[in-house]
Protein backbone atom coordinates (compact mmCIF):
# COMPACT_ATOMS: atom_id res chain seq x y z
CA MET A 1 0.00 0.00 0.00
CA LYS A 2 1.26 3.44 -0.94
CA ILE A 3 0.89 6.08 1.78
CA LYS A 4 0.93 9.71 0.71
CA VAL A 5 2.72 12.09 3.10
CA GLU A 6 2.45 15.81 2.43
CA GLN A 7 4.17 18.89 3.74
CA TYR A 8 2.21 20.70 6.46
CA ASN A 9 -0.93 22.35 5.10
CA PRO A 10 -2.70 25.09 7.10
CA LEU A 11 -5.96 23.96 5.50
CA TRP A 12 -5.88 20.91 7.80
CA LYS A 13 -6.54 23.16 10.79
CA GLU A 14 -9.29 25.01 8.92
CA SER A 15 -10.90 21.71 7.89
CA PHE A 16 -10.84 20.49 11.46
CA ASN A 17 -12.40 23.73 12.72
CA GLN A 18 -15.25 23.41 10.18
CA ILE A 19 -15.87 19.80 11.15
CA LYS A 20 -15.72 20.69 14.85
CA VAL A 21 -18.45 23.31 14.41
CA GLU A 22 -20.69 20.80 12.64
CA LEU A 23 -20.03 18.07 15.19
CA SER A 24 -20.64 20.47 18.07
CA GLU A 25 -24.02 21.43 16.63
CA VAL A 26 -25.08 17.84 16.04
CA MET A 27 -23.93 16.61 19.43
CA ALA A 28 -24.78 19.71 21.48
CA SER A 29 -26.93 17.69 23.89
CA LEU A 30 -23.86 15.62 24.84
CA ASN A 31 -21.59 18.63 25.46
CA PRO A 32 -18.66 16.84 23.77
CA GLN A 33 -14.95 17.61 23.91
CA ILE A 34 -13.78 17.62 20.29
CA GLU A 35 -10.05 17.66 19.66
CA HIS A 36 -7.80 17.65 16.60
CA ILE A 37 -5.25 14.91 17.18
CA GLY A 38 -2.57 13.16 15.16
CA SER A 39 0.10 14.47 12.85
CA THR A 40 -2.12 16.95 10.96
CA ALA A 41 -2.67 18.74 14.28
CA VAL A 42 1.04 19.57 14.62
CA GLU A 43 1.88 22.80 12.79
CA GLY A 44 4.87 22.41 10.49
CA LEU A 45 4.88 18.60 10.55
CA SER A 46 4.55 16.59 7.32
CA ALA A 47 1.69 14.11 7.55
CA LYS A 48 -0.82 11.88 5.80
CA PRO A 49 -3.61 14.28 4.79
CA ILE A 50 -6.19 12.71 7.09
CA ILE A 51 -7.81 14.74 9.86
CA ASP A 52 -7.92 12.66 13.05
CA ILE A 53 -10.57 13.75 15.53
CA LEU A 54 -11.14 12.62 19.10
CA ILE A 55 -14.60 13.04 20.60
CA GLY A 56 -14.95 12.80 24.37
CA VAL A 57 -18.12 12.70 26.42
CA ASP A 58 -18.76 12.80 30.17
CA ASP A 59 -20.75 9.55 30.37
CA ILE A 60 -19.56 6.35 28.67
CA ASP A 61 -23.18 5.44 27.89
CA GLU A 62 -23.36 8.49 25.60
CA LEU A 63 -20.90 6.83 23.21
CA ASN A 64 -23.72 4.67 21.87
CA ILE A 65 -25.65 7.78 20.82
CA ILE A 66 -22.90 9.31 18.66
CA PRO A 67 -23.18 7.06 15.54
CA ALA A 68 -26.90 7.76 15.20
CA LEU A 69 -26.33 11.49 15.56
CA LEU A 70 -23.65 11.45 12.88
CA MET A 71 -25.82 9.49 10.44
CA GLU A 72 -28.43 12.25 10.60
CA VAL A 73 -26.04 14.86 9.22
CA THR A 74 -25.05 14.30 5.62
CA SER A 75 -22.80 17.38 5.48
CA ILE A 76 -20.43 15.83 8.03
CA MET A 77 -20.41 12.55 6.13
CA LYS A 78 -19.70 14.41 2.88
CA THR A 79 -16.82 16.26 4.55
CA ILE A 80 -15.39 13.02 5.93
CA THR A 81 -15.76 11.36 2.52
CA LYS A 82 -14.03 14.32 0.84
CA ILE A 83 -11.12 14.12 3.27
CA CYS A 84 -10.81 10.38 2.74
CA ARG A 85 -10.75 10.86 -1.05
CA ILE A 86 -7.83 13.27 -0.69
CA ALA A 87 -5.78 10.51 0.93
CA ASP A 88 -4.14 8.14 -1.54
CA PHE A 89 -4.29 4.57 -0.26
CA SER A 90 -3.76 2.91 -3.64
CA SER A 91 -1.66 -0.22 -3.84
CA THR A 92 1.76 -0.06 -5.39
């Protein structure tokens, strides 16, 4: 498998911030902690162009609610799909 690593791109931070706003709106009732993690979160670091996001909630039982909430919002799924298409996971 070929893994594409790119020089740091400030658009990664902007993409995360857009996704965070959408996720925050969808999951407002859970009051989630939403963090940008992984190599794209480190300014200046080359990375695979995939935005890694960590979602934390206060009650472990709330984790079961998150998938259903995400399925209701097609814009988030479109954004995630777009990000995944940017990554090149083709075989060599």
